[in-house]
Amino acid sequence: MASFSPGGRGLMDMLRLGVVEVWGPIGIAALGVAAIVVSRRIRNRGNNPQQLQRELMATARMGAFLNLVLFLWMPLEAGYLLPFAGCVLILMGAWAPAGVMGPLAAALLVSGVYSPGSKGALLADLDQRREQEILLDLVEEALVDIKEPTVVLCGSMFSMVQYRMKGRETEWVRLRMAMANRDQLLEVKAEGGEQYLFINTIDPWHRANLGYSLWQVARPLLPEDWREAKQGPK
């Protein structure tokens, strides 16, 4: 079983994934302003939370802590921190007035569709999903055409490829999410009998989470110019 502790993901990469990609620059700035207001209210003790609020805050703190621990153990995607973001907003809402939470909510909505110098996280994710559909179409066609024993490493796309290939004839193909041990993979390859391929886009994911590049042990399933092979989904 592959272990997805952050084998190659550095501190800055985790901060980008867990902070910038979750909140966006505009959201981070708005959260900073809201945090200043909340810290002042806490120091002044002018608005102590009610009993129900205190219970909700305790639950939110525990939820944020557990979600953050799980993300640090398996920092694969920014989306894994969505519960953490919700817990943070609950904690801030227990202290911050409506005049702060309203603009904060608006800033977070804007941050989802716009980021200085680039697209917001929602639009970027939409583009990624469209490209992913094109890639899955090509992967499906390539897998059906394979006529020799082959192991295909799918990375984070493993479940999507499995779903796409449901009911299709792939007697020559074994799908794997990843191979955690590079030396073990090289030994298996040396024994012969199967070729090893990987889906073209997963090498950064594999390198970040398992610590080595797939180019060292396998070759891509599709041509390098696969993006030009199809201009849109079927």
Protein backbone atom coordinates (compact mmCIF):
# COMPACT_ATOMS: atom_id res chain seq x y z
CA MET A 1 0.00 0.00 0.00
CA ALA A 2 1.39 3.41 -0.94
CA SER A 3 2.08 5.88 1.83
CA PHE A 4 1.20 9.44 0.92
CA SER A 5 3.14 11.29 3.58
CA PRO A 6 4.69 14.36 1.95
CA GLY A 7 7.83 12.70 0.59
CA GLY A 8 8.79 15.52 -1.75
CA ARG A 9 6.49 18.40 -0.80
CA GLY A 10 8.44 21.26 0.75
CA LEU A 11 7.20 23.86 3.23
CA MET A 12 6.59 26.55 0.61
CA ASP A 13 4.70 24.13 -1.61
CA MET A 14 2.47 23.10 1.31
CA LEU A 15 1.85 26.76 2.19
CA ARG A 16 0.89 27.49 -1.41
CA LEU A 17 -1.44 24.51 -1.50
CA GLY A 18 -2.94 24.96 1.97
CA VAL A 19 -3.17 28.76 2.15
CA VAL A 20 -3.03 30.52 -1.22
CA GLU A 21 -5.07 27.93 -3.14
CA VAL A 22 -7.70 27.73 -0.39
CA TRP A 23 -8.24 31.43 0.38
CA GLY A 24 -6.64 33.30 -2.54
CA PRO A 25 -4.72 36.58 -2.15
CA ILE A 26 -7.86 38.69 -1.76
CA GLY A 27 -9.33 36.26 0.78
CA ILE A 28 -6.07 36.18 2.76
CA ALA A 29 -6.05 39.99 2.98
CA ALA A 30 -9.70 40.06 4.07
CA LEU A 31 -9.07 37.35 6.67
CA GLY A 32 -6.14 39.38 8.03
CA VAL A 33 -8.34 42.46 8.52
CA ALA A 34 -11.09 40.38 10.13
CA ALA A 35 -8.56 38.69 12.42
CA ILE A 36 -7.36 42.10 13.65
CA VAL A 37 -10.93 43.13 14.47
CA VAL A 38 -11.62 39.84 16.25
CA SER A 39 -8.39 40.03 18.28
CA ARG A 40 -9.32 43.52 19.49
CA ARG A 41 -12.79 42.38 20.52
CA ILE A 42 -11.32 39.43 22.40
CA ARG A 43 -8.86 41.69 24.24
CA ASN A 44 -11.61 44.15 25.14
CA ARG A 45 -13.90 41.34 26.32
CA GLY A 46 -16.75 43.50 25.13
CA ASN A 47 -18.69 40.68 23.54
CA ASN A 48 -18.39 37.35 25.32
CA PRO A 49 -19.93 34.46 23.36
CA GLN A 50 -23.09 32.87 24.69
CA GLN A 51 -23.13 29.26 25.90
CA LEU A 52 -24.31 27.91 22.57
CA GLN A 53 -21.63 29.92 20.78
CA ARG A 54 -18.96 28.58 23.12
CA GLU A 55 -20.01 25.01 22.40
CA LEU A 56 -20.02 25.72 18.66
CA MET A 57 -16.57 27.31 18.91
CA ALA A 58 -15.19 24.30 20.78
CA THR A 59 -16.53 21.99 18.07
CA ALA A 60 -15.11 24.23 15.32
CA ARG A 61 -11.68 24.33 16.99
CA MET A 62 -11.60 20.55 17.23
CA GLY A 63 -12.77 20.16 13.61
CA ALA A 64 -10.17 22.64 12.35
CA PHE A 65 -7.40 20.90 14.29
CA LEU A 66 -8.29 17.40 13.08
CA ASN A 67 -8.69 18.50 9.46
CA LEU A 68 -5.35 20.35 9.54
CA VAL A 69 -3.57 17.30 11.00
CA LEU A 70 -5.03 15.07 8.27
CA PHE A 71 -4.03 17.54 5.58
CA LEU A 72 -0.45 17.76 6.87
CA TRP A 73 -0.31 13.95 6.82
CA MET A 74 -1.73 13.74 3.30
CA PRO A 75 -1.31 17.13 1.53
CA LEU A 76 -2.62 16.09 -1.86
CA GLU A 77 -5.15 18.77 -2.81
CA ALA A 78 -6.27 22.17 -1.54
CA GLY A 79 -9.86 20.90 -1.50
CA TYR A 80 -9.00 18.68 1.46
CA LEU A 81 -8.95 21.85 3.62
CA LEU A 82 -12.53 22.92 2.90
CA PRO A 83 -13.76 21.70 6.34
CA PHE A 84 -10.90 23.67 7.93
CA ALA A 85 -12.00 26.82 6.09
CA GLY A 86 -15.57 26.35 7.31
CA CYS A 87 -14.41 25.90 10.91
CA VAL A 88 -12.29 29.06 10.71
CA LEU A 89 -15.28 31.08 9.49
CA ILE A 90 -17.44 29.69 12.30
CA LEU A 91 -14.85 30.76 14.87
CA MET A 92 -14.57 34.23 13.38
CA GLY A 93 -18.33 34.59 13.14
CA ALA A 94 -18.70 33.94 16.86
CA TRP A 95 -16.69 37.10 17.63
CA ALA A 96 -16.82 39.37 14.59
CA PRO A 97 -19.79 41.71 14.01
CA ALA A 98 -21.94 41.48 10.89
CA GLY A 99 -20.17 44.57 9.54
CA VAL A 100 -16.99 42.50 9.35
CA MET A 101 -18.36 39.11 8.31
CA GLY A 102 -20.39 40.56 5.42
CA PRO A 103 -17.40 42.15 3.64
CA LEU A 104 -15.31 39.07 4.47
CA ALA A 105 -17.86 36.82 2.77
CA ALA A 106 -17.94 39.12 -0.26
CA ALA A 107 -14.13 39.15 -0.46
CA LEU A 108 -14.01 35.35 -0.33
CA LEU A 109 -16.58 35.12 -3.13
CA VAL A 110 -14.57 37.53 -5.28
CA SER A 111 -11.38 35.61 -4.46
CA GLY A 112 -12.94 32.47 -5.89
CA VAL A 113 -13.32 33.99 -9.36
CA TYR A 114 -10.51 36.57 -9.45
CA SER A 115 -6.91 36.65 -8.31
CA PRO A 116 -4.43 39.44 -9.13
CA GLY A 117 -2.45 38.32 -12.16
CA SER A 118 -4.36 35.08 -12.66
CA LYS A 119 -7.76 33.41 -12.54
CA GLY A 120 -9.50 32.71 -9.27
CA ALA A 121 -9.51 29.21 -7.83
CA LEU A 122 -13.01 28.37 -9.15
CA LEU A 123 -12.25 29.38 -12.74
CA ALA A 124 -8.87 27.67 -12.64
CA ASP A 125 -10.52 24.51 -11.34
CA LEU A 126 -13.12 24.68 -14.12
CA ASP A 127 -10.36 24.88 -16.75
CA GLN A 128 -8.57 21.97 -15.10
CA ARG A 129 -11.73 19.85 -15.14
CA ARG A 130 -12.26 20.55 -18.85
CA GLU A 131 -8.68 19.53 -19.60
CA GLN A 132 -9.14 16.47 -17.41
CA GLU A 133 -12.14 15.36 -19.46
CA ILE A 134 -10.06 15.60 -22.63
CA LEU A 135 -7.28 13.64 -20.98
CA LEU A 136 -9.66 10.93 -19.77
CA ASP A 137 -11.08 10.51 -23.27
CA LEU A 138 -7.58 9.96 -24.65
CA VAL A 139 -6.57 7.66 -21.79
CA GLU A 140 -9.66 5.52 -22.34
CA GLU A 141 -8.86 5.16 -26.04
CA ALA A 142 -5.20 4.36 -25.34
CA LEU A 143 -5.97 1.69 -22.72
CA VAL A 144 -8.35 -0.17 -25.02
CA ASP A 145 -5.66 -0.27 -27.73
CA ILE A 146 -2.99 -1.86 -25.48
CA LYS A 147 -2.29 -5.46 -26.54
CA GLU A 148 0.56 -6.47 -24.21
CA PRO A 149 0.81 -6.87 -20.41
CA THR A 150 0.95 -3.34 -19.00
CA VAL A 151 0.80 -1.61 -15.64
CA VAL A 152 -0.57 1.94 -15.85
CA LEU A 153 0.15 4.28 -12.94
CA CYS A 154 -2.77 6.71 -12.58
CA GLY A 155 -1.92 8.77 -9.49
CA SER A 156 -4.73 11.04 -8.32
CA MET A 157 -6.76 10.07 -11.43
CA PHE A 158 -6.98 6.41 -10.41
CA SER A 159 -10.68 6.43 -9.44
CA MET A 160 -11.67 8.48 -12.50
CA VAL A 161 -9.89 6.10 -14.87
CA GLN A 162 -11.42 3.09 -13.12
CA TYR A 163 -14.89 4.60 -13.53
CA ARG A 164 -14.28 5.41 -17.20
CA MET A 165 -13.07 1.88 -17.94
CA LYS A 166 -15.96 0.16 -16.18
CA GLY A 167 -17.26 -2.54 -18.48
CA ARG A 168 -14.54 -2.05 -21.10
CA GLU A 169 -12.25 -4.85 -22.19
CA THR A 170 -8.78 -4.24 -20.70
CA GLU A 171 -7.43 -7.76 -20.19
CA TRP A 172 -3.85 -6.60 -20.79
CA VAL A 173 -3.95 -3.64 -18.40
CA ARG A 174 -3.57 -3.37 -14.63
CA LEU A 175 -4.35 0.03 -13.14
CA ARG A 176 -2.38 1.19 -10.10
CA MET A 177 -2.54 4.44 -8.17
CA ALA A 178 1.20 4.61 -7.51
CA MET A 179 4.31 2.70 -6.57
CA ALA A 180 5.69 4.09 -3.32
CA ASN A 181 9.04 2.28 -3.44
CA ARG A 182 11.16 3.25 -6.45
CA ASP A 183 13.68 0.43 -5.94
CA GLN A 184 10.89 -2.13 -5.69
CA LEU A 185 9.41 -0.84 -8.94
CA LEU A 186 12.78 -1.12 -10.67
CA GLU A 187 13.15 -4.70 -9.42
CA VAL A 188 9.71 -5.65 -10.71
CA LYS A 189 10.50 -4.07 -14.07
CA ALA A 190 13.82 -5.95 -14.25
CA GLU A 191 11.96 -9.25 -13.90
CA GLY A 192 10.18 -8.46 -17.17
CA GLY A 193 6.75 -9.52 -18.34
CA GLU A 194 5.04 -6.14 -18.10
CA GLN A 195 5.65 -2.64 -19.38
CA TYR A 196 5.08 0.34 -17.06
CA LEU A 197 3.32 3.48 -18.25
CA PHE A 198 1.98 6.54 -16.45
CA ILE A 199 -0.69 9.11 -17.24
CA ASN A 200 1.11 12.16 -18.57
CA THR A 201 -0.03 14.74 -16.03
CA ILE A 202 0.58 12.85 -12.77
CA ASP A 203 4.37 13.11 -12.48
CA PRO A 204 4.36 16.36 -10.41
CA TRP A 205 1.78 14.81 -8.05
CA HIS A 206 3.80 11.60 -7.78
CA ARG A 207 7.10 13.44 -7.28
CA ALA A 208 5.64 15.72 -4.60
CA ASN A 209 3.97 12.97 -2.59
CA LEU A 210 6.25 9.97 -3.15
CA GLY A 211 9.60 11.63 -3.62
CA TYR A 212 10.70 10.47 -7.08
CA SER A 213 9.88 11.14 -10.73
CA LEU A 214 8.05 8.56 -12.79
CA TRP A 215 10.26 9.45 -15.75
CA GLN A 216 13.00 7.48 -13.95
CA VAL A 217 11.05 4.22 -14.04
CA ALA A 218 8.34 4.39 -16.71
CA ARG A 219 7.21 6.21 -19.82
CA PRO A 220 4.08 8.27 -20.53
CA LEU A 221 0.94 6.63 -21.84
CA LEU A 222 0.17 9.42 -24.33
CA PRO A 223 2.28 11.52 -26.72
CA GLU A 224 3.74 14.71 -25.27
CA ASP A 225 1.46 16.82 -27.50
CA TRP A 226 -1.71 15.12 -26.27
CA ARG A 227 -3.36 18.50 -25.57
CA GLU A 228 -3.34 19.22 -29.30
CA ALA A 229 -4.81 15.83 -30.18
CA LYS A 230 -8.30 16.80 -29.13
CA GLN A 231 -9.74 20.28 -28.80
CA GLY A 232 -12.66 19.36 -26.58
CA PRO A 233 -14.48 16.54 -24.84
CA LYS A 234 -16.53 14.08 -26.81
